[in-house]
Amino acid sequence: MHTVAILVLDNVVPFDMATPFQMFGWTRLPDGRRPYRVRLCAESPEVPTEGFALRIDRGLDGLADADTIIVPGCDDTGPPSEEVVAALRRAARSGTRIASVCVGAFVLAEAGLLDGLRATTHWMATGELAQRFPDVQVEPDVLYVDNGQILTSAGAAAGLDMCLHMIRRDLGSAVAAHTARMSVVPLEREGGQAQFIVHEHPPVPRGSALEPLLEWIEDNLAGEITLGAMAERSGMSERTFSRRFREQTGTTPLQWLLRARVRRAQYLLENSDHPVERIARQAGFGSPTAFRERFRRVVGTTPHAYRSAFQGRAAVGA
């Protein structure tokens, strides 16, 4: 039987911990047998978390003979204890499969287990992970990353995707599909976590000389807006305009325009029942094909899938 040890650290996120506990616990072979033995392990018998405390029977010694170790996220992404780091490093050297849920990736990174590898975490924490651990290749737009022995997943719900992936890798698609049905989740989800990132309207530098132009662009996204037209409206040559635009916004005029158009499309997909072709025109894309390609590149999924996931009930009934 395959032993899955879940490392429960102080201030653990309960959902991050419960996801692998339930997913592997629910898994059954075709003959009804349990293929996984799931245990919780911690540094001390009582683990505080927000609103309650957890009683854990096994200490860090419970990691030693595990086949898989999973590290859930914690409310505090500070460094773990030396004992935890040492236990994870020993497990990695022995070939144990180690995975993280959400910001649990920070614990793996502190132990040096992500150095030179691709990894992900919750999209709100990807920047911090990349900054604190420059040897880690952070992938902000995916649901999980499988490096073989080491795996990382994005936000809490992405832990479901990663666990199902691990189950399928261990036992095949039929067993993983049964576990997915038991959990009432799809075996595979379309897209990555980019679709869950709120793409705010590109920032308008308040008080800058560009502010009137950027507001004009937002008001006229459906029309044709060229670099020449933007430069002329600003009273500059295209070269000077492009240089000053990057200085004040951190991006190019055309990238800012495309970002604004994608955000307008997201809003329309969420709040209207307009067909995709009409939304493409309203957001200023030249064709539905160009719209779909750009939308998928930025958001990580198709306009149709995005609408299915995020459209409000009021818009559906409109």
C-alpha atoms as a PDB file:
ATOM      1  CA  MET A   1       0.000   0.000   0.000  1.00  0.00           C
ATOM      2  CA  HIS A   2       1.240   3.460  -0.972  1.00  0.00           C
ATOM      3  CA  THR A   3       1.669   5.759   2.054  1.00  0.00           C
ATOM      4  CA  VAL A   4       0.817   9.452   1.628  1.00  0.00           C
ATOM      5  CA  ALA A   5       2.066  11.665   4.463  1.00  0.00           C
ATOM      6  CA  ILE A   6       0.618  15.167   4.732  1.00  0.00           C
ATOM      7  CA  LEU A   7       2.949  17.544   6.564  1.00  0.00           C
ATOM      8  CA  VAL A   8       0.817  19.823   8.750  1.00  0.00           C
ATOM      9  CA  LEU A   9       2.688  22.976   9.784  1.00  0.00           C
ATOM     10  CA  ASP A  10       1.505  25.754  12.098  1.00  0.00           C
ATOM     11  CA  ASN A  11      -1.244  27.940  10.617  1.00  0.00           C
ATOM     12  CA  VAL A  12      -1.942  25.388   7.904  1.00  0.00           C
ATOM     13  CA  VAL A  13      -4.711  26.291   5.467  1.00  0.00           C
ATOM     14  CA  PRO A  14      -7.404  23.704   6.304  1.00  0.00           C
ATOM     15  CA  PHE A  15      -8.631  23.346   2.722  1.00  0.00           C
ATOM     16  CA  ASP A  16      -5.092  22.752   1.448  1.00  0.00           C
ATOM     17  CA  MET A  17      -4.678  19.982   4.006  1.00  0.00           C
ATOM     18  CA  ALA A  18      -8.114  18.410   3.513  1.00  0.00           C
ATOM     19  CA  THR A  19      -7.837  18.230  -0.293  1.00  0.00           C
ATOM     20  CA  PRO A  20      -5.116  15.541  -0.489  1.00  0.00           C
ATOM     21  CA  PHE A  21      -6.474  13.837   2.642  1.00  0.00           C
ATOM     22  CA  GLN A  22      -9.858  13.337   0.990  1.00  0.00           C
ATOM     23  CA  MET A  23      -8.690  12.733  -2.579  1.00  0.00           C
ATOM     24  CA  PHE A  24      -6.278   9.935  -1.724  1.00  0.00           C
ATOM     25  CA  GLY A  25      -8.605   8.628   0.982  1.00  0.00           C
ATOM     26  CA  TRP A  26     -11.500   8.304  -1.476  1.00  0.00           C
ATOM     27  CA  THR A  27      -9.469   6.486  -4.113  1.00  0.00           C
ATOM     28  CA  ARG A  28     -10.490   2.866  -4.708  1.00  0.00           C
ATOM     29  CA  LEU A  29      -9.194   0.150  -7.010  1.00  0.00           C
ATOM     30  CA  PRO A  30     -11.694  -1.659  -9.275  1.00  0.00           C
ATOM     31  CA  ASP A  31     -12.038  -4.416  -6.658  1.00  0.00           C
ATOM     32  CA  GLY A  32     -12.826  -1.876  -3.930  1.00  0.00           C
ATOM     33  CA  ARG A  33      -9.473  -1.985  -2.146  1.00  0.00           C
ATOM     34  CA  ARG A  34      -7.788   1.192  -0.900  1.00  0.00           C
ATOM     35  CA  PRO A  35      -4.482   1.780  -2.702  1.00  0.00           C
ATOM     36  CA  TYR A  36      -3.387   4.631  -0.410  1.00  0.00           C
ATOM     37  CA  ARG A  37      -2.752   4.906   3.296  1.00  0.00           C
ATOM     38  CA  VAL A  38      -3.037   8.586   4.319  1.00  0.00           C
ATOM     39  CA  ARG A  39      -1.507  10.004   7.490  1.00  0.00           C
ATOM     40  CA  LEU A  40      -1.062  13.467   8.992  1.00  0.00           C
ATOM     41  CA  CYS A  41       2.348  14.389  10.411  1.00  0.00           C
ATOM     42  CA  ALA A  42       3.479  17.442  12.373  1.00  0.00           C
ATOM     43  CA  GLU A  43       6.300  18.755  14.514  1.00  0.00           C
ATOM     44  CA  SER A  44       4.119  18.810  17.641  1.00  0.00           C
ATOM     45  CA  PRO A  45       0.914  16.988  18.691  1.00  0.00           C
ATOM     46  CA  GLU A  46      -1.170  20.166  18.456  1.00  0.00           C
ATOM     47  CA  VAL A  47      -1.113  22.440  15.419  1.00  0.00           C
ATOM     48  CA  PRO A  48      -2.760  25.883  15.635  1.00  0.00           C
ATOM     49  CA  THR A  49      -4.712  27.200  12.681  1.00  0.00           C
ATOM     50  CA  GLU A  50      -7.224  29.992  12.236  1.00  0.00           C
ATOM     51  CA  GLY A  51     -10.260  29.342  14.425  1.00  0.00           C
ATOM     52  CA  PHE A  52      -9.258  25.951  15.828  1.00  0.00           C
ATOM     53  CA  ALA A  53      -6.387  23.613  16.660  1.00  0.00           C
ATOM     54  CA  LEU A  54      -5.593  20.201  15.174  1.00  0.00           C
ATOM     55  CA  ARG A  55      -4.489  17.113  17.091  1.00  0.00           C
ATOM     56  CA  ILE A  56      -1.926  15.163  15.066  1.00  0.00           C
ATOM     57  CA  ASP A  57      -0.859  11.639  16.046  1.00  0.00           C
ATOM     58  CA  ARG A  58       2.369  11.328  14.040  1.00  0.00           C
ATOM     59  CA  GLY A  59       5.524  13.381  14.283  1.00  0.00           C
ATOM     60  CA  LEU A  60       8.098  14.125  11.612  1.00  0.00           C
ATOM     61  CA  ASP A  61       9.209  10.513  11.867  1.00  0.00           C
ATOM     62  CA  GLY A  62       6.032   9.678   9.943  1.00  0.00           C
ATOM     63  CA  LEU A  63       7.667  11.159   6.835  1.00  0.00           C
ATOM     64  CA  ALA A  64      10.561   8.710   6.834  1.00  0.00           C
ATOM     65  CA  ASP A  65       8.757   5.701   5.328  1.00  0.00           C
ATOM     66  CA  ALA A  66       6.230   7.626   3.221  1.00  0.00           C
ATOM     67  CA  ASP A  67       6.040   7.057  -0.514  1.00  0.00           C
ATOM     68  CA  THR A  68       4.577  10.536  -1.086  1.00  0.00           C
ATOM     69  CA  ILE A  69       4.806  13.663   1.075  1.00  0.00           C
ATOM     70  CA  ILE A  70       2.414  16.546   0.514  1.00  0.00           C
ATOM     71  CA  VAL A  71       3.001  20.000   2.007  1.00  0.00           C
ATOM     72  CA  PRO A  72      -0.169  22.129   2.242  1.00  0.00           C
ATOM     73  CA  GLY A  73      -0.014  25.909   2.289  1.00  0.00           C
ATOM     74  CA  CYS A  74       0.126  27.954   5.485  1.00  0.00           C
ATOM     75  CA  ASP A  75      -1.097  31.448   6.244  1.00  0.00           C
ATOM     76  CA  ASP A  76       2.526  32.362   6.984  1.00  0.00           C
ATOM     77  CA  THR A  77       5.003  31.870   4.136  1.00  0.00           C
ATOM     78  CA  GLY A  78       7.984  32.380   6.424  1.00  0.00           C
ATOM     79  CA  PRO A  79      10.773  29.785   6.634  1.00  0.00           C
ATOM     80  CA  PRO A  80       9.968  26.429   8.244  1.00  0.00           C
ATOM     81  CA  SER A  81      12.028  25.029  11.099  1.00  0.00           C
ATOM     82  CA  GLU A  82      15.404  23.398  10.535  1.00  0.00           C
ATOM     83  CA  GLU A  83      13.861  20.067  11.568  1.00  0.00           C
ATOM     84  CA  VAL A  84      11.230  20.290   8.810  1.00  0.00           C
ATOM     85  CA  VAL A  85      13.816  21.290   6.202  1.00  0.00           C
ATOM     86  CA  ALA A  86      16.086  18.422   7.224  1.00  0.00           C
ATOM     87  CA  ALA A  87      13.224  15.902   7.106  1.00  0.00           C
ATOM     88  CA  LEU A  88      12.204  17.013   3.605  1.00  0.00           C
ATOM     89  CA  ARG A  89      15.774  16.890   2.352  1.00  0.00           C
ATOM     90  CA  ARG A  90      16.234  13.366   3.715  1.00  0.00           C
ATOM     91  CA  ALA A  91      13.016  12.289   2.028  1.00  0.00           C
ATOM     92  CA  ALA A  92      14.093  13.832  -1.270  1.00  0.00           C
ATOM     93  CA  ARG A  93      17.469  12.076  -1.138  1.00  0.00           C
ATOM     94  CA  SER A  94      15.722   8.753  -0.565  1.00  0.00           C
ATOM     95  CA  GLY A  95      13.567   9.254  -3.673  1.00  0.00           C
ATOM     96  CA  THR A  96      10.266  10.064  -1.954  1.00  0.00           C
ATOM     97  CA  ARG A  97       7.773  11.909  -4.143  1.00  0.00           C
ATOM     98  CA  ILE A  98       7.143  15.366  -2.656  1.00  0.00           C
ATOM     99  CA  ALA A  99       4.375  17.765  -3.638  1.00  0.00           C
ATOM    100  CA  SER A 100       3.044  21.104  -2.428  1.00  0.00           C
ATOM    101  CA  VAL A 101      -0.390  22.676  -2.442  1.00  0.00           C
ATOM    102  CA  CYS A 102      -0.674  26.445  -3.011  1.00  0.00           C
ATOM    103  CA  VAL A 103       1.922  28.390  -0.973  1.00  0.00           C
ATOM    104  CA  GLY A 104       3.319  25.126   0.366  1.00  0.00           C
ATOM    105  CA  ALA A 105       5.770  25.662  -2.502  1.00  0.00           C
ATOM    106  CA  PHE A 106       7.614  28.125  -0.267  1.00  0.00           C
ATOM    107  CA  VAL A 107       8.440  25.285   2.142  1.00  0.00           C
ATOM    108  CA  LEU A 108       9.862  23.179  -0.680  1.00  0.00           C
ATOM    109  CA  ALA A 109      11.821  26.182  -1.938  1.00  0.00           C
ATOM    110  CA  GLU A 110      13.271  26.840   1.531  1.00  0.00           C
ATOM    111  CA  ALA A 111      14.474  23.236   1.569  1.00  0.00           C
ATOM    112  CA  GLY A 112      16.167  23.781  -1.805  1.00  0.00           C
ATOM    113  CA  LEU A 113      14.000  21.166  -3.472  1.00  0.00           C
ATOM    114  CA  LEU A 114      12.846  23.512  -6.251  1.00  0.00           C
ATOM    115  CA  ASP A 115      16.261  24.845  -7.277  1.00  0.00           C
ATOM    116  CA  GLY A 116      16.638  24.619 -11.040  1.00  0.00           C
ATOM    117  CA  LEU A 117      13.081  23.326 -11.456  1.00  0.00           C
ATOM    118  CA  ARG A 118       9.826  24.703 -12.805  1.00  0.00           C
ATOM    119  CA  ALA A 119       7.290  25.381 -10.056  1.00  0.00           C
ATOM    120  CA  THR A 120       4.048  27.188  -9.366  1.00  0.00           C
ATOM    121  CA  THR A 121       2.030  28.517  -6.470  1.00  0.00           C
ATOM    122  CA  HIS A 122      -1.048  30.692  -5.979  1.00  0.00           C
ATOM    123  CA  TRP A 123      -1.007  33.458  -8.586  1.00  0.00           C
ATOM    124  CA  MET A 124      -0.963  36.146  -5.912  1.00  0.00           C
ATOM    125  CA  ALA A 125       2.286  34.693  -4.520  1.00  0.00           C
ATOM    126  CA  THR A 126       4.172  33.868  -7.728  1.00  0.00           C
ATOM    127  CA  GLY A 127       6.006  37.195  -7.714  1.00  0.00           C
ATOM    128  CA  GLU A 128       7.189  36.716  -4.131  1.00  0.00           C
ATOM    129  CA  LEU A 129       8.279  33.150  -4.843  1.00  0.00           C
ATOM    130  CA  ALA A 130      10.304  34.265  -7.861  1.00  0.00           C
ATOM    131  CA  GLN A 131      11.871  37.146  -5.941  1.00  0.00           C
ATOM    132  CA  ARG A 132      12.826  35.134  -2.864  1.00  0.00           C
ATOM    133  CA  PHE A 133      14.053  32.101  -4.778  1.00  0.00           C
ATOM    134  CA  PRO A 134      15.681  33.218  -8.041  1.00  0.00           C
ATOM    135  CA  ASP A 135      16.905  29.683  -8.810  1.00  0.00           C
ATOM    136  CA  VAL A 136      13.297  28.534  -9.185  1.00  0.00           C
ATOM    137  CA  GLN A 137      11.623  28.896 -12.602  1.00  0.00           C
ATOM    138  CA  VAL A 138       8.194  30.125 -11.498  1.00  0.00           C
ATOM    139  CA  GLU A 139       5.275  29.353 -13.827  1.00  0.00           C
ATOM    140  CA  PRO A 140       2.401  31.702 -12.870  1.00  0.00           C
ATOM    141  CA  ASP A 141      -0.221  30.513 -15.378  1.00  0.00           C
ATOM    142  CA  VAL A 142      -0.460  26.758 -14.761  1.00  0.00           C
ATOM    143  CA  LEU A 143      -2.538  24.644 -12.372  1.00  0.00           C
ATOM    144  CA  TYR A 144       0.340  22.364 -11.409  1.00  0.00           C
ATOM    145  CA  VAL A 145       3.869  21.414 -12.413  1.00  0.00           C
ATOM    146  CA  ASP A 146       5.138  17.821 -12.417  1.00  0.00           C
ATOM    147  CA  ASN A 147       8.926  17.495 -12.401  1.00  0.00           C
ATOM    148  CA  GLY A 148       8.789  13.775 -11.735  1.00  0.00           C
ATOM    149  CA  GLN A 149       9.783  13.484  -8.087  1.00  0.00           C
ATOM    150  CA  ILE A 150       8.792  17.037  -7.157  1.00  0.00           C
ATOM    151  CA  LEU A 151       5.363  18.548  -7.903  1.00  0.00           C
ATOM    152  CA  THR A 152       3.792  21.901  -7.083  1.00  0.00           C
ATOM    153  CA  SER A 153       0.228  23.142  -7.491  1.00  0.00           C
ATOM    154  CA  ALA A 154      -1.338  26.578  -7.708  1.00  0.00           C
ATOM    155  CA  GLY A 155      -4.229  27.837  -5.544  1.00  0.00           C
ATOM    156  CA  ALA A 156      -6.093  25.463  -3.238  1.00  0.00           C
ATOM    157  CA  ALA A 157      -8.487  24.087  -5.846  1.00  0.00           C
ATOM    158  CA  ALA A 158      -5.534  23.305  -8.120  1.00  0.00           C
ATOM    159  CA  GLY A 159      -4.496  20.827  -5.443  1.00  0.00           C
ATOM    160  CA  LEU A 160      -7.445  18.732  -6.643  1.00  0.00           C
ATOM    161  CA  ASP A 161      -6.051  18.746 -10.175  1.00  0.00           C
ATOM    162  CA  MET A 162      -2.584  17.787  -8.972  1.00  0.00           C
ATOM    163  CA  CYS A 163      -3.861  14.952  -6.756  1.00  0.00           C
ATOM    164  CA  LEU A 164      -5.931  13.522  -9.610  1.00  0.00           C
ATOM    165  CA  HIS A 165      -2.874  13.762 -11.852  1.00  0.00           C
ATOM    166  CA  MET A 166      -0.806  11.846  -9.282  1.00  0.00           C
ATOM    167  CA  ILE A 167      -3.505   9.195  -8.888  1.00  0.00           C
ATOM    168  CA  ARG A 168      -3.717   8.779 -12.659  1.00  0.00           C
ATOM    169  CA  ARG A 169       0.054   8.515 -12.853  1.00  0.00           C
ATOM    170  CA  ASP A 170       0.061   5.850 -10.140  1.00  0.00           C
ATOM    171  CA  LEU A 171      -3.024   3.814 -11.031  1.00  0.00           C
ATOM    172  CA  GLY A 172      -4.316   4.838 -14.450  1.00  0.00           C
ATOM    173  CA  SER A 173      -7.111   6.964 -15.853  1.00  0.00           C
ATOM    174  CA  ALA A 174     -10.011   4.714 -14.819  1.00  0.00           C
ATOM    175  CA  VAL A 175      -9.148   4.898 -11.120  1.00  0.00           C
ATOM    176  CA  ALA A 176      -8.480   8.642 -11.337  1.00  0.00           C
ATOM    177  CA  ALA A 177     -11.801   9.183 -13.120  1.00  0.00           C
ATOM    178  CA  HIS A 178     -13.644   7.297 -10.372  1.00  0.00           C
ATOM    179  CA  THR A 179     -11.952   9.461  -7.720  1.00  0.00           C
ATOM    180  CA  ALA A 180     -12.945  12.577  -9.679  1.00  0.00           C
ATOM    181  CA  ARG A 181     -16.562  11.435  -9.770  1.00  0.00           C
ATOM    182  CA  MET A 182     -16.488  10.759  -6.017  1.00  0.00           C
ATOM    183  CA  SER A 183     -15.162  14.299  -5.517  1.00  0.00           C
ATOM    184  CA  VAL A 184     -17.662  15.787  -8.015  1.00  0.00           C
ATOM    185  CA  VAL A 185     -14.879  17.493  -9.962  1.00  0.00           C
ATOM    186  CA  PRO A 186     -13.710  17.109 -13.579  1.00  0.00           C
ATOM    187  CA  LEU A 187     -10.760  14.821 -14.195  1.00  0.00           C
ATOM    188  CA  GLU A 188      -9.154  17.619 -16.206  1.00  0.00           C
ATOM    189  CA  ARG A 189      -9.871  21.332 -16.250  1.00  0.00           C
ATOM    190  CA  GLU A 190      -9.322  23.515 -19.290  1.00  0.00           C
ATOM    191  CA  GLY A 191      -6.739  26.268 -19.067  1.00  0.00           C
ATOM    192  CA  GLY A 192      -4.517  27.308 -16.187  1.00  0.00           C
ATOM    193  CA  GLN A 193      -4.749  29.640 -13.265  1.00  0.00           C
ATOM    194  CA  ALA A 194      -4.347  32.669 -15.541  1.00  0.00           C
ATOM    195  CA  GLN A 195      -8.105  32.492 -16.081  1.00  0.00           C
ATOM    196  CA  PHE A 196      -8.637  33.170 -12.360  1.00  0.00           C
ATOM    197  CA  ILE A 197      -6.403  36.238 -12.235  1.00  0.00           C
ATOM    198  CA  VAL A 198      -8.343  39.466 -12.141  1.00  0.00           C
ATOM    199  CA  HIS A 199      -6.845  41.509 -14.978  1.00  0.00           C
ATOM    200  CA  GLU A 200      -7.555  45.028 -13.804  1.00  0.00           C
ATOM    201  CA  HIS A 201      -7.741  47.859 -16.281  1.00  0.00           C
ATOM    202  CA  PRO A 202      -4.145  48.772 -17.121  1.00  0.00           C
ATOM    203  CA  PRO A 203      -2.990  51.434 -14.674  1.00  0.00           C
ATOM    204  CA  VAL A 204      -3.399  55.054 -15.699  1.00  0.00           C
ATOM    205  CA  PRO A 205      -0.589  57.155 -14.207  1.00  0.00           C
ATOM    206  CA  ARG A 206      -2.556  59.836 -12.407  1.00  0.00           C
ATOM    207  CA  GLY A 207      -1.324  63.348 -13.069  1.00  0.00           C
ATOM    208  CA  SER A 208       0.937  62.288 -15.923  1.00  0.00           C
ATOM    209  CA  ALA A 209       0.871  63.813 -19.383  1.00  0.00           C
ATOM    210  CA  LEU A 210      -0.432  60.510 -20.721  1.00  0.00           C
ATOM    211  CA  GLU A 211      -3.510  60.372 -18.508  1.00  0.00           C
ATOM    212  CA  PRO A 212      -5.922  62.026 -20.988  1.00  0.00           C
ATOM    213  CA  LEU A 213      -4.697  59.773 -23.797  1.00  0.00           C
ATOM    214  CA  LEU A 214      -5.107  56.567 -21.783  1.00  0.00           C
ATOM    215  CA  GLU A 215      -8.606  57.539 -20.745  1.00  0.00           C
ATOM    216  CA  TRP A 216      -9.427  58.264 -24.391  1.00  0.00           C
ATOM    217  CA  ILE A 217      -8.138  54.817 -25.378  1.00  0.00           C
ATOM    218  CA  GLU A 218     -10.346  53.121 -22.788  1.00  0.00           C
ATOM    219  CA  ASP A 219     -13.339  55.083 -24.079  1.00  0.00           C
ATOM    220  CA  ASN A 220     -12.651  54.117 -27.704  1.00  0.00           C
ATOM    221  CA  LEU A 221     -11.500  50.511 -27.531  1.00  0.00           C
ATOM    222  CA  ALA A 222     -14.002  49.377 -30.169  1.00  0.00           C
ATOM    223  CA  GLY A 223     -12.437  51.639 -32.805  1.00  0.00           C
ATOM    224  CA  GLU A 224      -9.184  51.356 -34.711  1.00  0.00           C
ATOM    225  CA  ILE A 225      -6.353  52.755 -32.566  1.00  0.00           C
ATOM    226  CA  THR A 226      -2.884  52.825 -34.128  1.00  0.00           C
ATOM    227  CA  LEU A 227       0.470  53.772 -32.687  1.00  0.00           C
ATOM    228  CA  GLY A 228       0.514  56.742 -35.052  1.00  0.00           C
ATOM    229  CA  ALA A 229      -2.878  57.944 -33.850  1.00  0.00           C
ATOM    230  CA  MET A 230      -1.801  57.698 -30.207  1.00  0.00           C
ATOM    231  CA  ALA A 231       1.434  59.543 -30.872  1.00  0.00           C
ATOM    232  CA  GLU A 232      -0.330  62.269 -32.861  1.00  0.00           C
ATOM    233  CA  ARG A 233      -2.907  62.734 -30.120  1.00  0.00           C
ATOM    234  CA  SER A 234      -0.046  63.169 -27.634  1.00  0.00           C
ATOM    235  CA  GLY A 235       1.765  65.663 -29.869  1.00  0.00           C
ATOM    236  CA  MET A 236       4.895  63.526 -30.185  1.00  0.00           C
ATOM    237  CA  SER A 237       6.718  61.495 -32.780  1.00  0.00           C
ATOM    238  CA  GLU A 238       6.069  57.760 -32.618  1.00  0.00           C
ATOM    239  CA  ARG A 239       9.584  57.100 -31.325  1.00  0.00           C
ATOM    240  CA  THR A 240       9.398  59.704 -28.563  1.00  0.00           C
ATOM    241  CA  PHE A 241       5.875  58.654 -27.651  1.00  0.00           C
ATOM    242  CA  SER A 242       6.835  54.969 -27.364  1.00  0.00           C
ATOM    243  CA  ARG A 243       9.829  55.814 -25.162  1.00  0.00           C
ATOM    244  CA  ARG A 244       7.853  58.059 -22.799  1.00  0.00           C
ATOM    245  CA  PHE A 245       4.938  55.635 -22.688  1.00  0.00           C
ATOM    246  CA  ARG A 246       7.194  52.817 -21.507  1.00  0.00           C
ATOM    247  CA  GLU A 247       8.834  55.101 -18.959  1.00  0.00           C
ATOM    248  CA  GLN A 248       5.475  56.008 -17.420  1.00  0.00           C
ATOM    249  CA  THR A 249       3.564  52.725 -17.714  1.00  0.00           C
ATOM    250  CA  GLY A 250       6.243  50.037 -17.797  1.00  0.00           C
ATOM    251  CA  THR A 251       4.948  48.578 -21.067  1.00  0.00           C
ATOM    252  CA  THR A 252       4.534  49.438 -24.749  1.00  0.00           C
ATOM    253  CA  PRO A 253       1.519  51.326 -26.108  1.00  0.00           C
ATOM    254  CA  LEU A 254       0.297  48.329 -28.109  1.00  0.00           C
ATOM    255  CA  GLN A 255       0.665  45.912 -25.176  1.00  0.00           C
ATOM    256  CA  TRP A 256      -1.264  48.342 -22.973  1.00  0.00           C
ATOM    257  CA  LEU A 257      -3.979  48.548 -25.634  1.00  0.00           C
ATOM    258  CA  LEU A 258      -4.247  44.766 -25.998  1.00  0.00           C
ATOM    259  CA  ARG A 259      -4.419  44.318 -22.222  1.00  0.00           C
ATOM    260  CA  ALA A 260      -7.230  46.869 -22.020  1.00  0.00           C
ATOM    261  CA  ARG A 261      -9.116  45.102 -24.813  1.00  0.00           C
ATOM    262  CA  VAL A 262      -8.808  41.703 -23.131  1.00  0.00           C
ATOM    263  CA  ARG A 263     -10.078  43.162 -19.880  1.00  0.00           C
ATOM    264  CA  ARG A 264     -13.046  44.726 -21.722  1.00  0.00           C
ATOM    265  CA  ALA A 265     -13.765  41.321 -23.268  1.00  0.00           C
ATOM    266  CA  GLN A 266     -13.625  39.638 -19.856  1.00  0.00           C
ATOM    267  CA  TYR A 267     -16.146  42.137 -18.527  1.00  0.00           C
ATOM    268  CA  LEU A 268     -18.502  41.555 -21.465  1.00  0.00           C
ATOM    269  CA  LEU A 269     -18.212  37.771 -21.188  1.00  0.00           C
ATOM    270  CA  GLU A 270     -19.049  37.968 -17.490  1.00  0.00           C
ATOM    271  CA  ASN A 271     -21.889  40.485 -17.754  1.00  0.00           C
ATOM    272  CA  SER A 272     -23.612  40.034 -21.108  1.00  0.00           C
ATOM    273  CA  ASP A 273     -25.015  37.294 -23.319  1.00  0.00           C
ATOM    274  CA  HIS A 274     -23.545  38.810 -26.495  1.00  0.00           C
ATOM    275  CA  PRO A 275     -22.046  36.256 -28.905  1.00  0.00           C
ATOM    276  CA  VAL A 276     -18.275  36.019 -29.072  1.00  0.00           C
ATOM    277  CA  GLU A 277     -18.191  37.642 -32.506  1.00  0.00           C
ATOM    278  CA  ARG A 278     -19.943  40.746 -31.170  1.00  0.00           C
ATOM    279  CA  ILE A 279     -17.694  40.904 -28.112  1.00  0.00           C
ATOM    280  CA  ALA A 280     -14.654  40.720 -30.387  1.00  0.00           C
ATOM    281  CA  ARG A 281     -15.910  43.842 -32.198  1.00  0.00           C
ATOM    282  CA  GLN A 282     -16.852  45.647 -28.979  1.00  0.00           C
ATOM    283  CA  ALA A 283     -13.398  45.047 -27.541  1.00  0.00           C
ATOM    284  CA  GLY A 284     -11.715  46.253 -30.731  1.00  0.00           C
ATOM    285  CA  PHE A 285     -10.270  43.051 -32.139  1.00  0.00           C
ATOM    286  CA  GLY A 286     -10.045  42.808 -35.896  1.00  0.00           C
ATOM    287  CA  SER A 287     -11.649  39.381 -36.131  1.00  0.00           C
ATOM    288  CA  PRO A 288     -13.106  36.682 -33.872  1.00  0.00           C
ATOM    289  CA  THR A 289     -10.066  34.524 -34.681  1.00  0.00           C
ATOM    290  CA  ALA A 290      -7.620  37.216 -33.567  1.00  0.00           C
ATOM    291  CA  PHE A 291      -9.732  37.766 -30.447  1.00  0.00           C
ATOM    292  CA  ARG A 292      -9.754  34.083 -29.514  1.00  0.00           C
ATOM    293  CA  GLU A 293      -6.007  33.733 -30.033  1.00  0.00           C
ATOM    294  CA  ARG A 294      -5.159  36.824 -27.967  1.00  0.00           C
ATOM    295  CA  PHE A 295      -7.660  35.966 -25.244  1.00  0.00           C
ATOM    296  CA  ARG A 296      -6.288  32.456 -24.839  1.00  0.00           C
ATOM    297  CA  ARG A 297      -2.718  33.743 -24.771  1.00  0.00           C
ATOM    298  CA  VAL A 298      -3.462  36.231 -21.990  1.00  0.00           C
ATOM    299  CA  VAL A 299      -6.132  34.442 -19.959  1.00  0.00           C
ATOM    300  CA  GLY A 300      -5.092  30.845 -20.556  1.00  0.00           C
ATOM    301  CA  THR A 301      -8.464  29.556 -21.751  1.00  0.00           C
ATOM    302  CA  THR A 302     -11.037  30.169 -24.470  1.00  0.00           C
ATOM    303  CA  PRO A 303     -13.694  32.916 -24.315  1.00  0.00           C
ATOM    304  CA  HIS A 304     -16.391  30.220 -24.217  1.00  0.00           C
ATOM    305  CA  ALA A 305     -14.767  28.387 -21.293  1.00  0.00           C
ATOM    306  CA  TYR A 306     -14.183  31.671 -19.469  1.00  0.00           C
ATOM    307  CA  ARG A 307     -17.838  32.640 -19.844  1.00  0.00           C
ATOM    308  CA  SER A 308     -18.992  29.212 -18.643  1.00  0.00           C
ATOM    309  CA  ALA A 309     -16.874  29.584 -15.510  1.00  0.00           C
ATOM    310  CA  PHE A 310     -17.500  33.208 -14.621  1.00  0.00           C
ATOM    311  CA  GLN A 311     -20.697  34.522 -16.156  1.00  0.00           C
ATOM    312  CA  GLY A 312     -23.139  35.785 -13.515  1.00  0.00           C
ATOM    313  CA  ARG A 313     -26.650  34.386 -13.182  1.00  0.00           C
ATOM    314  CA  ALA A 314     -28.205  37.750 -14.108  1.00  0.00           C
ATOM    315  CA  ALA A 315     -26.366  37.774 -17.427  1.00  0.00           C
ATOM    316  CA  VAL A 316     -27.316  34.177 -18.164  1.00  0.00           C
ATOM    317  CA  GLY A 317     -30.981  35.055 -17.790  1.00  0.00           C
ATOM    318  CA  ALA A 318     -30.733  38.268 -19.798  1.00  0.00           C
END
